[in-house]
Amino acid sequence: MVTAGALALVVVALPQAVAEERPTLLVMGDSLSAAYGLEQDQGWVSLLERRLAEQAVVVNSSISGETSGGGAERFAEILKDREPAIVLLELGGNDGLRGLPPTQMRANLAGMIEQSQALDAEVLLLGIDIPPNYGQAYRDAFTSVYHSLTEEYDVALVPFLLEGVALNRELMQSDGIHPTADAQPIILDNVWPALAPLLDDAGITYEE
């Protein structure tokens, strides 16, 4: 005879078991993916989760102010714990704003890509640009990191996450760095064309 208590345990366990069977998408980013200055449910990562309509588990491990080095330090443990099917790497912006060496950023991102591919996870790089006042030589070296990693490791790339957003003052917060809530659907639309094929490969269904 099944007691009421045992039945309750089964009912509680079922949703958790279903969640564990769904593929996981891991987002490793900075404030652009952490919904800085917004409600969490307004950020593009939350919008992505809703678009996937519970067909995948979206884990947002983004932290405002994070550098590629900080992400690299946290990455191995998160990767082991979550075992994602797809990893979205949105890091490097704070490296650029701090004037850190692009070679250092590249090494950090390369390490995360290699760890992901070792676990058969697909990788999507989300690139960013920096203001012209950093000098064209540094800017070119910075942006070329994303393209060179894409070629070396055969990973997907969104060249500029804030395409159609960064130069529109109405879509940027007063600090001129972080997008508004109205910009978040545009950011997701920037990500989607590169992400959709990876979702298809992972067998994840979604709403267009």
C-alpha atoms as a PDB file:
ATOM      1  CA  MET A   1       0.000   0.000   0.000  1.00  0.00           C
ATOM      2  CA  VAL A   2       1.343   3.407  -1.014  1.00  0.00           C
ATOM      3  CA  THR A   3       1.112   5.925   1.791  1.00  0.00           C
ATOM      4  CA  ALA A   4       0.258   9.587   1.246  1.00  0.00           C
ATOM      5  CA  GLY A   5       3.763  10.530   2.253  1.00  0.00           C
ATOM      6  CA  ALA A   6       5.350   8.184  -0.272  1.00  0.00           C
ATOM      7  CA  LEU A   7       3.040   9.435  -3.024  1.00  0.00           C
ATOM      8  CA  ALA A   8       4.011  13.019  -2.229  1.00  0.00           C
ATOM      9  CA  LEU A   9       7.695  12.128  -2.581  1.00  0.00           C
ATOM     10  CA  VAL A  10       7.044  10.596  -5.999  1.00  0.00           C
ATOM     11  CA  VAL A  11       5.127  13.680  -7.176  1.00  0.00           C
ATOM     12  CA  VAL A  12       7.912  16.003  -6.010  1.00  0.00           C
ATOM     13  CA  ALA A  13      10.613  13.842  -7.564  1.00  0.00           C
ATOM     14  CA  LEU A  14       9.031  13.642 -11.022  1.00  0.00           C
ATOM     15  CA  PRO A  15       9.594  17.287 -12.094  1.00  0.00           C
ATOM     16  CA  GLN A  16      13.188  17.100 -10.883  1.00  0.00           C
ATOM     17  CA  ALA A  17      13.789  13.895 -12.835  1.00  0.00           C
ATOM     18  CA  VAL A  18      12.302  15.433 -15.975  1.00  0.00           C
ATOM     19  CA  ALA A  19      14.508  18.524 -15.544  1.00  0.00           C
ATOM     20  CA  GLU A  20      17.592  16.342 -15.222  1.00  0.00           C
ATOM     21  CA  GLU A  21      16.774  14.607 -18.515  1.00  0.00           C
ATOM     22  CA  ARG A  22      16.614  17.894 -20.445  1.00  0.00           C
ATOM     23  CA  PRO A  23      19.790  19.184 -22.120  1.00  0.00           C
ATOM     24  CA  THR A  24      21.541  22.056 -20.371  1.00  0.00           C
ATOM     25  CA  LEU A  25      22.672  25.360 -21.852  1.00  0.00           C
ATOM     26  CA  LEU A  26      25.360  27.103 -19.816  1.00  0.00           C
ATOM     27  CA  VAL A  27      25.871  30.855 -20.181  1.00  0.00           C
ATOM     28  CA  MET A  28      29.200  32.140 -18.871  1.00  0.00           C
ATOM     29  CA  GLY A  29      29.233  35.909 -19.144  1.00  0.00           C
ATOM     30  CA  ASP A  30      29.537  39.291 -17.524  1.00  0.00           C
ATOM     31  CA  SER A  31      27.032  42.078 -16.842  1.00  0.00           C
ATOM     32  CA  LEU A  32      25.680  41.942 -20.405  1.00  0.00           C
ATOM     33  CA  SER A  33      24.304  38.486 -19.655  1.00  0.00           C
ATOM     34  CA  ALA A  34      23.653  39.050 -15.938  1.00  0.00           C
ATOM     35  CA  ALA A  35      20.887  41.617 -16.653  1.00  0.00           C
ATOM     36  CA  TYR A  36      22.801  44.440 -14.962  1.00  0.00           C
ATOM     37  CA  GLY A  37      20.460  47.264 -13.901  1.00  0.00           C
ATOM     38  CA  LEU A  38      17.376  45.230 -14.842  1.00  0.00           C
ATOM     39  CA  GLU A  39      15.057  42.697 -13.293  1.00  0.00           C
ATOM     40  CA  GLN A  40      16.474  39.217 -13.891  1.00  0.00           C
ATOM     41  CA  ASP A  41      13.494  38.127 -15.934  1.00  0.00           C
ATOM     42  CA  GLN A  42      14.088  41.020 -18.356  1.00  0.00           C
ATOM     43  CA  GLY A  43      17.551  39.881 -19.433  1.00  0.00           C
ATOM     44  CA  TRP A  44      18.180  38.177 -22.757  1.00  0.00           C
ATOM     45  CA  VAL A  45      19.166  34.922 -21.036  1.00  0.00           C
ATOM     46  CA  SER A  46      15.772  34.763 -19.331  1.00  0.00           C
ATOM     47  CA  LEU A  47      14.108  35.542 -22.655  1.00  0.00           C
ATOM     48  CA  LEU A  48      16.073  32.661 -24.167  1.00  0.00           C
ATOM     49  CA  GLU A  49      14.869  30.337 -21.441  1.00  0.00           C
ATOM     50  CA  ARG A  50      11.270  31.280 -22.166  1.00  0.00           C
ATOM     51  CA  ARG A  51      11.746  30.822 -25.906  1.00  0.00           C
ATOM     52  CA  LEU A  52      13.005  27.293 -25.315  1.00  0.00           C
ATOM     53  CA  ALA A  53       9.715  26.563 -23.556  1.00  0.00           C
ATOM     54  CA  GLU A  54      11.119  24.143 -20.978  1.00  0.00           C
ATOM     55  CA  GLN A  55      12.813  21.989 -23.617  1.00  0.00           C
ATOM     56  CA  ALA A  56      16.187  22.734 -22.049  1.00  0.00           C
ATOM     57  CA  VAL A  57      17.645  23.849 -18.745  1.00  0.00           C
ATOM     58  CA  VAL A  58      19.303  27.264 -19.014  1.00  0.00           C
ATOM     59  CA  VAL A  59      21.975  27.920 -16.396  1.00  0.00           C
ATOM     60  CA  ASN A  60      23.120  31.523 -16.207  1.00  0.00           C
ATOM     61  CA  SER A  61      26.491  31.676 -14.454  1.00  0.00           C
ATOM     62  CA  SER A  62      27.178  35.250 -15.520  1.00  0.00           C
ATOM     63  CA  ILE A  63      28.563  37.764 -13.020  1.00  0.00           C
ATOM     64  CA  SER A  64      28.689  41.523 -13.461  1.00  0.00           C
ATOM     65  CA  GLY A  65      32.275  42.719 -13.751  1.00  0.00           C
ATOM     66  CA  GLU A  66      33.585  39.278 -14.660  1.00  0.00           C
ATOM     67  CA  THR A  67      36.744  39.040 -16.746  1.00  0.00           C
ATOM     68  CA  SER A  68      37.799  36.096 -18.869  1.00  0.00           C
ATOM     69  CA  GLY A  69      40.277  35.215 -16.137  1.00  0.00           C
ATOM     70  CA  GLY A  70      37.588  35.163 -13.474  1.00  0.00           C
ATOM     71  CA  GLY A  71      35.355  33.049 -15.665  1.00  0.00           C
ATOM     72  CA  ALA A  72      38.178  30.626 -16.377  1.00  0.00           C
ATOM     73  CA  GLU A  73      38.806  30.158 -12.645  1.00  0.00           C
ATOM     74  CA  ARG A  74      35.165  29.216 -12.043  1.00  0.00           C
ATOM     75  CA  PHE A  75      34.580  27.290 -15.228  1.00  0.00           C
ATOM     76  CA  ALA A  76      35.884  23.776 -14.566  1.00  0.00           C
ATOM     77  CA  GLU A  77      33.751  23.250 -11.475  1.00  0.00           C
ATOM     78  CA  ILE A  78      30.608  24.617 -13.133  1.00  0.00           C
ATOM     79  CA  LEU A  79      31.210  22.525 -16.237  1.00  0.00           C
ATOM     80  CA  LYS A  80      31.638  19.363 -14.188  1.00  0.00           C
ATOM     81  CA  ASP A  81      28.544  20.090 -12.118  1.00  0.00           C
ATOM     82  CA  ARG A  82      26.214  21.028 -14.980  1.00  0.00           C
ATOM     83  CA  GLU A  83      27.499  18.889 -17.881  1.00  0.00           C
ATOM     84  CA  PRO A  84      26.005  21.216 -20.511  1.00  0.00           C
ATOM     85  CA  ALA A  85      25.216  20.273 -24.097  1.00  0.00           C
ATOM     86  CA  ILE A  86      25.892  23.846 -25.211  1.00  0.00           C
ATOM     87  CA  VAL A  87      28.168  26.496 -23.693  1.00  0.00           C
ATOM     88  CA  LEU A  88      27.701  30.179 -24.517  1.00  0.00           C
ATOM     89  CA  LEU A  89      30.845  32.164 -23.704  1.00  0.00           C
ATOM     90  CA  GLU A  90      30.185  35.902 -23.338  1.00  0.00           C
ATOM     91  CA  LEU A  91      33.403  37.112 -21.770  1.00  0.00           C
ATOM     92  CA  GLY A  92      36.122  39.569 -22.666  1.00  0.00           C
ATOM     93  CA  GLY A  93      34.349  42.913 -22.471  1.00  0.00           C
ATOM     94  CA  ASN A  94      35.783  43.721 -19.066  1.00  0.00           C
ATOM     95  CA  ASP A  95      39.223  42.605 -20.198  1.00  0.00           C
ATOM     96  CA  GLY A  96      39.004  45.226 -22.931  1.00  0.00           C
ATOM     97  CA  LEU A  97      37.692  47.976 -20.689  1.00  0.00           C
ATOM     98  CA  ARG A  98      40.583  47.333 -18.292  1.00  0.00           C
ATOM     99  CA  GLY A  99      43.122  47.258 -21.104  1.00  0.00           C
ATOM    100  CA  LEU A 100      44.226  43.707 -20.306  1.00  0.00           C
ATOM    101  CA  PRO A 101      46.372  41.915 -22.902  1.00  0.00           C
ATOM    102  CA  PRO A 102      44.279  40.302 -25.660  1.00  0.00           C
ATOM    103  CA  THR A 103      46.690  37.350 -25.607  1.00  0.00           C
ATOM    104  CA  GLN A 104      45.691  36.713 -22.006  1.00  0.00           C
ATOM    105  CA  MET A 105      41.996  36.901 -22.893  1.00  0.00           C
ATOM    106  CA  ARG A 106      42.547  34.497 -25.761  1.00  0.00           C
ATOM    107  CA  ALA A 107      44.303  31.971 -23.546  1.00  0.00           C
ATOM    108  CA  ASN A 108      41.467  32.097 -21.006  1.00  0.00           C
ATOM    109  CA  LEU A 109      38.750  31.637 -23.620  1.00  0.00           C
ATOM    110  CA  ALA A 110      40.726  28.920 -25.393  1.00  0.00           C
ATOM    111  CA  GLY A 111      40.991  26.990 -22.152  1.00  0.00           C
ATOM    112  CA  MET A 112      37.230  27.131 -21.625  1.00  0.00           C
ATOM    113  CA  ILE A 113      36.573  26.044 -25.195  1.00  0.00           C
ATOM    114  CA  GLU A 114      38.953  23.094 -24.852  1.00  0.00           C
ATOM    115  CA  GLN A 115      37.346  21.988 -21.589  1.00  0.00           C
ATOM    116  CA  SER A 116      33.887  22.218 -23.158  1.00  0.00           C
ATOM    117  CA  GLN A 117      34.857  20.250 -26.243  1.00  0.00           C
ATOM    118  CA  ALA A 118      36.501  17.593 -24.079  1.00  0.00           C
ATOM    119  CA  LEU A 119      33.007  16.921 -22.694  1.00  0.00           C
ATOM    120  CA  ASP A 120      31.443  17.012 -26.187  1.00  0.00           C
ATOM    121  CA  ALA A 121      29.686  20.311 -25.507  1.00  0.00           C
ATOM    122  CA  GLU A 122      29.038  22.672 -28.416  1.00  0.00           C
ATOM    123  CA  VAL A 123      30.441  26.183 -27.929  1.00  0.00           C
ATOM    124  CA  LEU A 124      29.058  29.543 -29.040  1.00  0.00           C
ATOM    125  CA  LEU A 125      31.314  32.575 -28.661  1.00  0.00           C
ATOM    126  CA  LEU A 126      29.517  35.876 -28.102  1.00  0.00           C
ATOM    127  CA  GLY A 127      31.870  38.614 -29.209  1.00  0.00           C
ATOM    128  CA  ILE A 128      31.984  42.216 -28.064  1.00  0.00           C
ATOM    129  CA  ASP A 129      33.738  45.382 -29.187  1.00  0.00           C
ATOM    130  CA  ILE A 130      35.347  48.213 -27.238  1.00  0.00           C
ATOM    131  CA  PRO A 131      35.212  52.007 -27.745  1.00  0.00           C
ATOM    132  CA  PRO A 132      37.508  53.637 -30.338  1.00  0.00           C
ATOM    133  CA  ASN A 133      39.315  55.652 -27.670  1.00  0.00           C
ATOM    134  CA  TYR A 134      41.312  52.548 -26.727  1.00  0.00           C
ATOM    135  CA  GLY A 135      43.200  52.919 -30.005  1.00  0.00           C
ATOM    136  CA  GLN A 136      42.677  51.065 -33.258  1.00  0.00           C
ATOM    137  CA  ALA A 137      45.609  48.693 -32.780  1.00  0.00           C
ATOM    138  CA  TYR A 138      44.333  47.452 -29.408  1.00  0.00           C
ATOM    139  CA  ARG A 139      40.773  47.322 -30.688  1.00  0.00           C
ATOM    140  CA  ASP A 140      41.789  45.221 -33.694  1.00  0.00           C
ATOM    141  CA  ALA A 141      43.819  42.863 -31.521  1.00  0.00           C
ATOM    142  CA  PHE A 142      40.885  42.553 -29.119  1.00  0.00           C
ATOM    143  CA  THR A 143      38.186  41.741 -31.678  1.00  0.00           C
ATOM    144  CA  SER A 144      40.462  39.412 -33.638  1.00  0.00           C
ATOM    145  CA  VAL A 145      40.603  37.110 -30.610  1.00  0.00           C
ATOM    146  CA  TYR A 146      37.039  35.936 -31.206  1.00  0.00           C
ATOM    147  CA  HIS A 147      37.585  35.312 -34.907  1.00  0.00           C
ATOM    148  CA  SER A 148      40.859  33.446 -34.435  1.00  0.00           C
ATOM    149  CA  LEU A 149      39.326  31.200 -31.768  1.00  0.00           C
ATOM    150  CA  THR A 150      36.405  30.455 -34.056  1.00  0.00           C
ATOM    151  CA  GLU A 151      38.765  29.339 -36.799  1.00  0.00           C
ATOM    152  CA  GLU A 152      41.110  27.347 -34.575  1.00  0.00           C
ATOM    153  CA  TYR A 153      38.459  25.466 -32.614  1.00  0.00           C
ATOM    154  CA  ASP A 154      35.651  25.393 -35.208  1.00  0.00           C
ATOM    155  CA  VAL A 155      33.095  26.977 -32.875  1.00  0.00           C
ATOM    156  CA  ALA A 156      30.116  29.199 -33.648  1.00  0.00           C
ATOM    157  CA  LEU A 157      30.445  32.970 -33.296  1.00  0.00           C
ATOM    158  CA  VAL A 158      28.253  36.023 -32.843  1.00  0.00           C
ATOM    159  CA  PRO A 159      30.778  38.716 -33.883  1.00  0.00           C
ATOM    160  CA  PHE A 160      29.144  41.552 -31.937  1.00  0.00           C
ATOM    161  CA  LEU A 161      26.558  40.812 -29.272  1.00  0.00           C
ATOM    162  CA  LEU A 162      25.298  44.408 -29.154  1.00  0.00           C
ATOM    163  CA  GLU A 163      24.784  44.841 -32.903  1.00  0.00           C
ATOM    164  CA  GLY A 164      21.968  47.348 -33.428  1.00  0.00           C
ATOM    165  CA  VAL A 165      22.039  48.292 -29.744  1.00  0.00           C
ATOM    166  CA  ALA A 166      25.355  49.857 -28.718  1.00  0.00           C
ATOM    167  CA  LEU A 167      25.065  52.987 -30.870  1.00  0.00           C
ATOM    168  CA  ASN A 168      21.402  53.609 -30.081  1.00  0.00           C
ATOM    169  CA  ARG A 169      21.196  55.814 -26.980  1.00  0.00           C
ATOM    170  CA  GLU A 170      17.564  54.899 -26.433  1.00  0.00           C
ATOM    171  CA  LEU A 171      18.579  51.269 -26.004  1.00  0.00           C
ATOM    172  CA  MET A 172      21.418  51.947 -23.576  1.00  0.00           C
ATOM    173  CA  GLN A 173      21.262  52.743 -19.873  1.00  0.00           C
ATOM    174  CA  SER A 174      22.558  56.079 -18.620  1.00  0.00           C
ATOM    175  CA  ASP A 175      26.075  54.657 -18.140  1.00  0.00           C
ATOM    176  CA  GLY A 176      26.347  54.143 -21.888  1.00  0.00           C
ATOM    177  CA  ILE A 177      27.647  50.598 -21.346  1.00  0.00           C
ATOM    178  CA  HIS A 178      24.691  48.437 -20.393  1.00  0.00           C
ATOM    179  CA  PRO A 179      21.603  47.827 -22.560  1.00  0.00           C
ATOM    180  CA  THR A 180      18.083  48.622 -21.420  1.00  0.00           C
ATOM    181  CA  ALA A 181      15.212  46.166 -21.059  1.00  0.00           C
ATOM    182  CA  ASP A 182      13.986  47.154 -24.523  1.00  0.00           C
ATOM    183  CA  ALA A 183      17.332  46.071 -25.982  1.00  0.00           C
ATOM    184  CA  GLN A 184      17.203  42.535 -24.586  1.00  0.00           C
ATOM    185  CA  PRO A 185      14.981  41.022 -27.309  1.00  0.00           C
ATOM    186  CA  ILE A 186      17.336  42.489 -29.926  1.00  0.00           C
ATOM    187  CA  ILE A 187      20.319  40.895 -28.192  1.00  0.00           C
ATOM    188  CA  LEU A 188      18.554  37.535 -28.196  1.00  0.00           C
ATOM    189  CA  ASP A 189      17.793  37.992 -31.892  1.00  0.00           C
ATOM    190  CA  ASN A 190      21.526  38.616 -32.442  1.00  0.00           C
ATOM    191  CA  VAL A 191      22.364  35.360 -30.677  1.00  0.00           C
ATOM    192  CA  TRP A 192      19.631  33.217 -32.183  1.00  0.00           C
ATOM    193  CA  PRO A 193      20.898  32.592 -35.769  1.00  0.00           C
ATOM    194  CA  ALA A 194      24.170  31.171 -34.449  1.00  0.00           C
ATOM    195  CA  LEU A 195      22.523  29.289 -31.581  1.00  0.00           C
ATOM    196  CA  ALA A 196      19.647  27.637 -33.466  1.00  0.00           C
ATOM    197  CA  PRO A 197      21.851  25.152 -35.398  1.00  0.00           C
ATOM    198  CA  LEU A 198      23.470  24.080 -32.126  1.00  0.00           C
ATOM    199  CA  LEU A 199      20.024  23.524 -30.622  1.00  0.00           C
ATOM    200  CA  ASP A 200      19.093  21.401 -33.633  1.00  0.00           C
ATOM    201  CA  ASP A 201      22.260  19.320 -33.250  1.00  0.00           C
ATOM    202  CA  ALA A 202      21.456  18.785 -29.568  1.00  0.00           C
ATOM    203  CA  GLY A 203      17.883  17.731 -30.386  1.00  0.00           C
ATOM    204  CA  ILE A 204      16.375  20.704 -28.544  1.00  0.00           C
ATOM    205  CA  THR A 205      13.044  21.891 -29.909  1.00  0.00           C
ATOM    206  CA  TYR A 206      12.102  25.559 -29.693  1.00  0.00           C
ATOM    207  CA  GLU A 207       9.656  28.222 -30.756  1.00  0.00           C
ATOM    208  CA  GLU A 208      10.658  30.494 -33.620  1.00  0.00           C
END
